[in-house]
Protein backbone atom coordinates (compact mmCIF):
# COMPACT_ATOMS: atom_id res chain seq x y z
CA MET A 1 -25.42 -8.55 -9.89
CA THR A 2 -26.42 -12.36 -11.55
CA LYS A 3 -24.46 -15.43 -10.42
CA TYR A 4 -23.68 -15.86 -14.26
CA SER A 5 -22.19 -11.97 -14.23
CA GLN A 6 -20.39 -12.64 -10.64
CA LYS A 7 -18.74 -15.69 -12.26
CA LEU A 8 -17.87 -13.75 -15.00
CA ALA A 9 -16.41 -11.07 -13.18
CA TYR A 10 -14.44 -13.67 -11.28
CA ILE A 11 -13.04 -15.18 -14.36
CA LEU A 12 -11.70 -11.81 -15.43
CA LEU A 13 -9.89 -10.60 -12.27
CA LEU A 14 -8.65 -14.25 -12.27
CA GLY A 15 -7.25 -13.46 -15.87
CA SER A 16 -5.89 -9.85 -14.56
CA VAL A 17 -3.79 -11.44 -12.09
CA LEU A 18 -2.55 -14.32 -14.11
CA VAL A 19 -1.54 -11.85 -16.72
CA ASN A 20 0.24 -9.36 -14.27
CA PRO A 21 0.63 -10.23 -10.92
CA HIS A 22 2.06 -6.73 -9.91
CA SER A 23 -1.06 -5.13 -11.21
CA ALA A 24 -3.04 -2.71 -8.88
CA LEU A 25 -5.91 -4.70 -9.84
CA ALA A 26 -4.38 -8.04 -8.90
CA ALA A 27 -3.37 -6.69 -5.65
CA ASP A 28 -6.50 -5.49 -4.47
CA ALA A 29 -9.85 -4.91 -6.39
CA THR A 30 -11.03 -1.96 -4.56
CA VAL A 31 -8.99 1.12 -3.97
CA ASP A 32 -9.51 4.52 -1.32
CA PRO A 33 -11.67 6.69 -3.46
CA ALA A 34 -9.62 9.45 -2.94
CA PHE A 35 -6.66 7.89 -4.39
CA LYS A 36 -8.44 6.67 -7.27
CA THR A 37 -9.43 10.32 -8.28
CA SER A 38 -5.52 11.38 -7.60
CA VAL A 39 -4.00 8.74 -10.12
CA MET A 40 -6.97 9.27 -13.10
CA SER A 41 -6.06 12.84 -12.73
CA ALA A 42 -2.58 12.44 -12.89
CA GLN A 43 -2.93 10.34 -16.08
CA LYS A 44 -5.46 12.30 -17.70
CA GLY A 45 -2.45 15.29 -16.91
CA GLY A 46 0.31 12.83 -18.76
CA ILE A 47 2.26 12.13 -15.18
CA CYS A 48 3.85 8.85 -15.98
CA SER A 49 4.64 8.37 -11.89
CA ILE A 50 2.48 9.64 -8.96
CA ALA A 51 3.43 10.24 -5.88
CA VAL A 52 1.42 9.40 -3.31
CA ASN A 53 2.21 12.86 -0.91
CA GLU A 54 0.20 14.47 -3.82
CA LEU A 55 -2.89 12.91 -2.30
CA THR A 56 -5.00 15.21 0.38
CA PRO A 57 -3.46 14.61 3.81
CA ALA A 58 -5.63 13.00 6.71
CA ASP A 59 -7.59 14.91 8.81
CA PRO A 60 -6.20 14.99 12.18
CA ALA A 61 -9.40 13.39 13.36
CA ASP A 62 -9.58 10.24 15.58
CA ALA A 63 -9.09 7.15 13.69
CA ARG A 64 -11.83 4.98 12.30
CA TYR A 65 -10.41 2.10 14.28
CA THR A 66 -6.76 1.08 15.81
CA THR A 67 -5.44 -2.75 15.48
CA SER A 68 -2.49 -4.08 16.77
CA ARG A 69 -0.12 -5.64 13.79
CA ILE A 70 3.09 -7.09 13.21
CA VAL A 71 5.06 -4.55 11.49
CA THR A 72 8.46 -4.41 9.89
CA ALA A 73 10.41 -2.13 7.72
CA TYR A 74 11.91 -3.01 4.16
CA THR A 75 14.03 -0.85 1.39
CA SER A 76 14.47 -0.91 -2.10
CA THR A 77 16.75 -3.72 -2.59
CA PRO A 78 15.65 -6.47 -4.90
CA ASP A 79 16.12 -9.26 -2.06
CA GLN A 80 13.27 -7.65 -0.48
CA THR A 81 11.63 -6.62 -3.22
CA ASP A 82 10.55 -7.96 -6.77
CA SER A 83 12.48 -6.99 -10.02
CA THR A 84 11.71 -3.07 -9.78
CA PRO A 85 12.51 -2.01 -6.33
CA PHE A 86 11.52 1.75 -7.00
CA ILE A 87 8.41 1.05 -8.12
CA THR A 88 5.27 0.11 -5.51
CA ALA A 89 2.83 -2.22 -6.39
CA ASN A 90 0.45 0.56 -7.24
CA GLY A 91 2.75 2.09 -9.61
CA THR A 92 4.08 4.71 -7.50
CA THR A 93 8.19 5.51 -6.76
CA VAL A 94 8.97 4.91 -3.15
CA HIS A 95 9.57 7.44 -0.89
CA ASP A 96 9.02 8.26 2.91
CA GLY A 97 5.57 7.75 4.04
CA ILE A 98 4.89 4.56 2.26
CA ILE A 99 3.72 1.43 3.74
CA ALA A 100 3.09 -1.89 2.38
CA ALA A 101 -0.21 -3.52 3.77
CA ASN A 102 -2.15 -6.32 2.05
CA TRP A 103 -5.53 -6.27 4.85
CA LEU A 104 -5.50 -2.50 3.68
CA LYS A 105 -6.95 -0.69 0.41
CA PHE A 106 -4.23 1.32 -1.48
CA GLY A 107 -4.48 4.94 -0.78
CA THR A 108 -5.50 4.35 3.06
CA ARG A 109 -3.59 6.86 5.29
CA VAL A 110 -2.63 5.11 8.69
CA ARG A 111 -0.62 6.23 11.49
CA ILE A 112 1.87 4.27 13.95
CA PRO A 113 1.76 6.45 16.94
CA ASP A 114 4.08 4.32 19.50
CA MET A 115 7.16 4.94 16.76
CA PHE A 116 5.94 7.83 14.56
CA GLY A 117 3.57 9.82 16.74
CA ASP A 118 1.47 12.22 14.12
CA LYS A 119 3.16 10.98 11.04
CA VAL A 120 0.61 9.52 8.29
CA PHE A 121 1.60 6.64 6.19
CA ILE A 122 -0.09 5.73 2.54
CA VAL A 123 -0.77 2.16 1.75
CA ALA A 124 1.01 2.05 -1.76
CA ASP A 125 2.47 -1.19 -1.56
CA ARG A 126 1.94 -4.89 -0.85
CA MET A 127 4.02 -7.72 0.77
CA ASN A 128 4.32 -11.44 -0.10
CA PRO A 129 0.82 -13.22 0.29
CA ARG A 130 2.21 -15.05 3.15
CA PHE A 131 2.28 -11.75 5.36
CA ASP A 132 -1.69 -10.70 5.03
CA ASP A 133 -1.66 -9.52 8.50
CA ARG A 134 1.22 -7.43 8.61
CA ALA A 135 2.65 -3.91 7.72
CA ASP A 136 5.75 -2.90 6.28
CA ILE A 137 7.57 0.31 6.12
CA TRP A 138 9.60 1.41 3.35
CA MET A 139 12.94 3.04 4.41
CA ALA A 140 15.57 4.96 2.33
CA ASP A 141 18.60 3.20 4.71
CA TYR A 142 19.16 -0.77 4.97
CA GLN A 143 20.66 -0.48 8.19
CA ALA A 144 17.52 1.62 9.67
CA ALA A 145 15.24 -0.96 8.39
CA ARG A 146 17.43 -3.93 9.81
CA ASN A 147 17.54 -2.02 12.97
CA PHE A 148 13.65 -1.37 13.54
CA GLY A 149 13.34 -5.42 12.93
CA LEU A 150 9.87 -7.08 13.86
CA ARG A 151 7.82 -5.67 16.13
CA ARG A 152 3.96 -5.37 17.41
CA LEU A 153 2.29 -2.46 17.09
CA THR A 154 -0.69 -0.41 17.28
CA ILE A 155 -2.12 1.12 13.90
CA GLU A 156 -4.57 3.51 13.59
CA VAL A 157 -6.39 3.51 10.61
CA LEU A 158 -7.77 6.75 9.33
């Protein structure tokens, strides 16, 4: 790719961010291929909302890598989200197993074994840009999210 092409691509990406800052393209220019395939097949089928649970579950194989990160929890309240509290940054409806992480691609599967054992979470949401090194787990219950608080936990990226 020439320098001119790279600059043009950057300008187009920047323009999409300015036009729609909550778009999947704006939040993350790259998407896990399994997630992208699922989204494309759902769009062709005329489905308006894509459930992340429809993705192929992760193999119980060892993680690609582990990292220690600060983990918090959030709920679908306007003070903790944007104007569409039940829609994630990639357009799915919130449900158990959603995690927000700016440092991972949409569709990335992670485990947090210290707190949740073998439960697999799927990245489908984003946090405020200032939290580029954290993860935020969606919870249905406000009090449970408050009780979770802020913890440093080991995350296994699958």
